[in-house]
Amino acid sequence: MEKSQVPIFIVGLLLVNIIGCADETNQMKGKEIMKDNKISLGAEVKPMAPVWVIGSYDKAGKANMMTAAWVGICCSKPPCVSIALRKATYTHTNIMERKAFTVNIPSKNYVEETDYFGLVSGRNIDKLSVTGLTPIKGEKVDAPYLKEFPVAMECKVINTVAVGSHTMFIGEIMEVKADNSMVDKNNSLLPCGLLFNPATRDYYGIGEQLGEAFTAGKEILNKQK
């Protein structure tokens, strides 16, 4: 081997070792990722979300309904819910004006109406006239709820938070209304509602009871004693 070829040979060996080490590192990383059988899906909204229909009045007093999925219970004392809406929505404007909204929880019988409420804007069309559903003025807040939906919550806005593309409205629950068929002997609500899969854009119903809260985990708790 000529002297001029020695450095090239050495560089070649170094490159092979570096590539080999990198490949081995990648394989190790791959094994670390796969050993828990999870796949990285990135920073996206993937979990299923509850489906709520948000009721509001506009400046002229016209009732409007909008379907929202970025929603949830956020406090127990006082009882509060949060809904996140884009600023461009008609409902966002209405809530900013009236400082109130209702949460209407649909049953599986109203999948079409629920979906429709999220397809068009109340600025351009009277959604309630199209669907034939009945708005009723809330007793505790300045917002309408739906007669046909089994559960409705009347909420007054107590805080707003800007979160990127959305505004989060924190609403204190002033009243909960429910059909008799949705209330059990303990005056508790029976399961109802829809779930939304943001990845596939499908609706799902609520499943069967799987266990009793604050009881199902006691078997594990007792093992620690």
Protein backbone atom coordinates (compact mmCIF):
# COMPACT_ATOMS: atom_id res chain seq x y z
CA MET A 1 0.00 0.00 0.00
CA GLU A 2 1.40 3.41 -0.98
CA LYS A 3 1.85 6.12 1.64
CA SER A 4 -0.67 8.35 -0.11
CA GLN A 5 -3.34 5.69 0.28
CA VAL A 6 -2.89 5.26 4.06
CA PRO A 7 -4.84 8.38 5.13
CA ILE A 8 -7.67 7.49 2.75
CA PHE A 9 -7.78 3.98 4.16
CA ILE A 10 -7.87 5.27 7.72
CA VAL A 11 -10.63 7.76 6.89
CA GLY A 12 -12.58 4.95 5.30
CA LEU A 13 -12.30 2.83 8.44
CA LEU A 14 -13.43 5.75 10.58
CA LEU A 15 -16.47 6.33 8.38
CA VAL A 16 -17.42 2.66 8.54
CA ASN A 17 -17.12 2.68 12.33
CA ILE A 18 -19.14 5.91 12.65
CA ILE A 19 -21.89 4.65 10.36
CA GLY A 20 -21.91 1.31 12.15
CA CYS A 21 -22.17 2.98 15.56
CA ALA A 22 -24.94 5.27 14.31
CA ASP A 23 -26.84 2.32 12.89
CA GLU A 24 -26.43 0.39 16.14
CA THR A 25 -27.62 3.44 18.10
CA ASN A 26 -30.67 3.73 15.88
CA GLN A 27 -31.42 0.06 16.37
CA MET A 28 -31.09 0.48 20.13
CA LYS A 29 -33.41 3.46 20.02
CA GLY A 30 -35.83 1.46 17.94
CA LYS A 31 -35.80 -1.33 20.50
CA GLU A 32 -36.36 1.16 23.30
CA ILE A 33 -39.34 2.64 21.50
CA MET A 34 -40.85 -0.72 20.64
CA LYS A 35 -40.42 -2.47 23.98
CA ASP A 36 -43.55 -0.76 25.34
CA ASN A 37 -45.45 -1.45 22.10
CA LYS A 38 -46.24 2.23 21.60
CA ILE A 39 -45.92 4.22 18.39
CA SER A 40 -45.11 7.92 18.31
CA LEU A 41 -47.98 9.91 16.78
CA GLY A 42 -46.48 13.36 17.26
CA ALA A 43 -47.91 16.45 18.91
CA GLU A 44 -51.50 16.24 17.71
CA VAL A 45 -54.99 16.00 19.20
CA LYS A 46 -55.67 12.26 19.03
CA PRO A 47 -57.76 11.17 22.06
CA MET A 48 -61.53 10.98 21.70
CA ALA A 49 -63.46 13.96 23.06
CA PRO A 50 -67.01 14.50 24.36
CA VAL A 51 -69.45 16.09 21.94
CA TRP A 52 -71.40 19.06 23.27
CA VAL A 53 -73.79 21.38 21.51
CA ILE A 54 -73.29 24.96 22.70
CA GLY A 55 -76.35 27.23 22.86
CA SER A 56 -76.22 31.03 22.68
CA TYR A 57 -78.18 34.13 21.70
CA ASP A 58 -76.90 36.71 19.23
CA LYS A 59 -77.34 40.49 19.56
CA ALA A 60 -80.81 40.30 18.03
CA GLY A 61 -81.90 37.54 20.41
CA LYS A 62 -81.81 34.74 17.81
CA ALA A 63 -81.01 31.32 19.28
CA ASN A 64 -78.07 29.44 17.82
CA MET A 65 -76.45 26.05 18.37
CA MET A 66 -72.89 24.97 17.61
CA THR A 67 -71.22 21.60 18.00
CA ALA A 68 -67.94 21.61 19.96
CA ALA A 69 -65.56 18.87 21.02
CA TRP A 70 -62.79 20.75 22.84
CA VAL A 71 -64.79 20.70 26.06
CA GLY A 72 -64.84 19.30 29.58
CA ILE A 73 -65.44 19.65 33.31
CA CYS A 74 -62.73 21.89 34.78
CA CYS A 75 -63.75 22.54 38.41
CA SER A 76 -66.03 21.15 41.10
CA LYS A 77 -66.21 24.11 43.52
CA PRO A 78 -67.73 26.09 41.96
CA PRO A 79 -68.95 23.57 39.37
CA CYS A 80 -67.49 24.69 36.04
CA VAL A 81 -67.04 23.56 32.48
CA SER A 82 -64.66 24.77 29.79
CA ILE A 83 -65.31 25.11 26.08
CA ALA A 84 -62.70 26.16 23.52
CA LEU A 85 -63.92 27.95 20.40
CA ARG A 86 -62.22 29.61 17.46
CA LYS A 87 -62.62 33.39 17.42
CA ALA A 88 -64.08 33.25 13.92
CA THR A 89 -67.16 31.32 15.04
CA TYR A 90 -70.55 32.95 15.46
CA THR A 91 -70.93 31.35 18.87
CA HIS A 92 -67.69 32.95 20.06
CA THR A 93 -69.14 36.37 19.21
CA ASN A 94 -72.43 35.56 20.92
CA ILE A 95 -70.81 34.37 24.14
CA MET A 96 -68.55 37.41 24.30
CA GLU A 97 -71.68 39.56 23.98
CA ARG A 98 -73.98 37.71 26.40
CA LYS A 99 -71.43 36.22 28.83
CA ALA A 100 -73.47 33.01 28.95
CA PHE A 101 -73.95 29.72 27.13
CA THR A 102 -75.60 26.35 27.54
CA VAL A 103 -74.15 22.89 27.15
CA ASN A 104 -76.56 20.48 25.46
CA ILE A 105 -75.63 16.80 25.55
CA PRO A 106 -77.09 14.83 22.64
CA SER A 107 -78.34 11.27 22.68
CA LYS A 108 -77.52 8.78 19.93
CA ASN A 109 -80.88 9.66 18.35
CA TYR A 110 -79.57 13.09 17.36
CA VAL A 111 -76.30 12.31 15.59
CA GLU A 112 -77.42 13.97 12.34
CA GLU A 113 -78.58 17.17 14.01
CA THR A 114 -75.46 17.30 16.16
CA ASP A 115 -73.22 16.99 13.14
CA TYR A 116 -75.26 19.55 11.18
CA PHE A 117 -74.81 22.14 13.94
CA GLY A 118 -71.07 21.98 13.25
CA LEU A 119 -71.32 22.17 9.45
CA VAL A 120 -72.90 25.61 8.96
CA SER A 121 -72.66 29.02 10.60
CA GLY A 122 -75.51 30.72 12.41
CA ARG A 123 -74.48 33.95 10.68
CA ASN A 124 -75.89 32.60 7.43
CA ILE A 125 -78.66 30.21 8.39
CA ASP A 126 -81.19 29.54 11.14
CA LYS A 127 -80.05 26.09 12.20
CA LEU A 128 -82.98 25.49 14.53
CA SER A 129 -85.54 26.21 11.82
CA VAL A 130 -83.78 23.74 9.52
CA THR A 131 -83.58 20.95 12.11
CA GLY A 132 -86.96 21.61 13.70
CA LEU A 133 -85.48 21.45 17.21
CA THR A 134 -86.87 23.65 19.98
CA PRO A 135 -84.85 26.33 21.79
CA ILE A 136 -85.96 27.21 25.31
CA LYS A 137 -84.72 30.28 27.16
CA GLY A 138 -82.56 29.40 30.13
CA GLU A 139 -83.92 30.17 33.57
CA LYS A 140 -80.57 31.10 35.14
CA VAL A 141 -78.56 32.52 32.23
CA ASP A 142 -79.06 34.49 29.04
CA ALA A 143 -78.75 31.54 26.66
CA PRO A 144 -81.07 28.92 25.11
CA TYR A 145 -81.04 25.16 25.61
CA LEU A 146 -82.58 22.41 23.48
CA LYS A 147 -85.84 20.81 24.56
CA GLU A 148 -85.16 17.58 22.67
CA PHE A 149 -81.68 16.84 24.03
CA PRO A 150 -81.70 14.80 27.26
CA VAL A 151 -79.30 16.95 29.30
CA ALA A 152 -78.65 20.70 29.39
CA MET A 153 -76.40 22.85 31.58
CA GLU A 154 -76.86 26.60 31.95
CA CYS A 155 -73.53 28.38 32.37
CA LYS A 156 -72.37 31.92 33.03
CA VAL A 157 -68.92 32.96 31.84
CA ILE A 158 -66.53 33.65 34.73
CA ASN A 159 -63.25 33.68 32.81
CA THR A 160 -61.76 33.59 29.31
CA VAL A 161 -58.30 32.41 28.33
CA ALA A 162 -56.63 32.84 24.94
CA VAL A 163 -55.06 29.53 23.88
CA GLY A 164 -53.49 29.76 20.44
CA SER A 165 -56.17 29.51 17.78
CA HIS A 166 -58.94 29.17 20.37
CA THR A 167 -60.50 31.05 23.26
CA MET A 168 -61.29 28.96 26.31
CA PHE A 169 -64.48 30.03 28.05
CA ILE A 170 -64.83 28.96 31.68
CA GLY A 171 -68.50 28.70 32.55
CA GLU A 172 -69.89 28.23 36.04
CA ILE A 173 -72.77 25.76 35.98
CA MET A 174 -75.81 27.56 37.32
CA GLU A 175 -78.37 24.85 36.55
CA VAL A 176 -78.53 21.31 35.19
CA LYS A 177 -81.69 20.06 33.50
CA ALA A 178 -82.34 16.46 32.50
CA ASP A 179 -85.15 14.29 31.17
CA ASN A 180 -86.73 12.05 33.80
CA SER A 181 -85.47 9.03 31.88
CA MET A 182 -81.89 10.21 32.39
CA VAL A 183 -82.04 10.44 36.20
CA ASP A 184 -81.60 7.40 38.44
CA LYS A 185 -82.99 6.80 41.94
CA ASN A 186 -80.00 8.59 43.48
CA ASN A 187 -80.75 11.72 41.47
CA SER A 188 -77.65 11.09 39.36
CA LEU A 189 -77.42 11.34 35.58
CA LEU A 190 -77.35 8.14 33.58
CA PRO A 191 -74.71 7.80 30.83
CA CYS A 192 -75.53 9.60 27.60
CA GLY A 193 -73.77 11.55 24.91
CA LEU A 194 -71.44 11.06 21.98
CA LEU A 195 -67.68 10.81 21.58
CA PHE A 196 -65.74 12.34 18.69
CA ASN A 197 -62.63 10.77 17.18
CA PRO A 198 -60.61 13.68 15.72
CA ALA A 199 -58.31 11.36 13.78
CA THR A 200 -61.05 9.57 11.83
CA ARG A 201 -63.83 12.16 12.30
CA ASP A 202 -66.29 9.57 13.55
CA TYR A 203 -68.89 9.63 16.32
CA TYR A 204 -69.17 6.89 18.94
CA GLY A 205 -71.73 6.10 21.59
CA ILE A 206 -71.11 5.59 25.30
CA GLY A 207 -70.25 2.02 26.29
CA GLU A 208 -71.34 -0.21 29.13
CA GLN A 209 -70.48 0.28 32.81
CA LEU A 210 -67.02 -1.14 33.55
CA GLY A 211 -66.68 -0.55 37.26
CA GLU A 212 -67.59 1.60 40.23
CA ALA A 213 -65.49 4.73 40.76
CA PHE A 214 -63.50 4.94 44.02
CA THR A 215 -64.16 1.24 44.50
CA ALA A 216 -62.64 -0.59 41.54
CA GLY A 217 -59.11 0.36 42.59
CA LYS A 218 -59.46 -0.68 46.23
CA GLU A 219 -58.24 -4.19 45.48
CA ILE A 220 -54.85 -2.73 44.57
CA LEU A 221 -55.01 -0.31 47.51
CA ASN A 222 -55.68 -3.15 49.94
CA LYS A 223 -52.60 -5.04 48.70
CA GLN A 224 -50.44 -2.17 49.92
CA LYS A 225 -51.61 -2.54 53.49
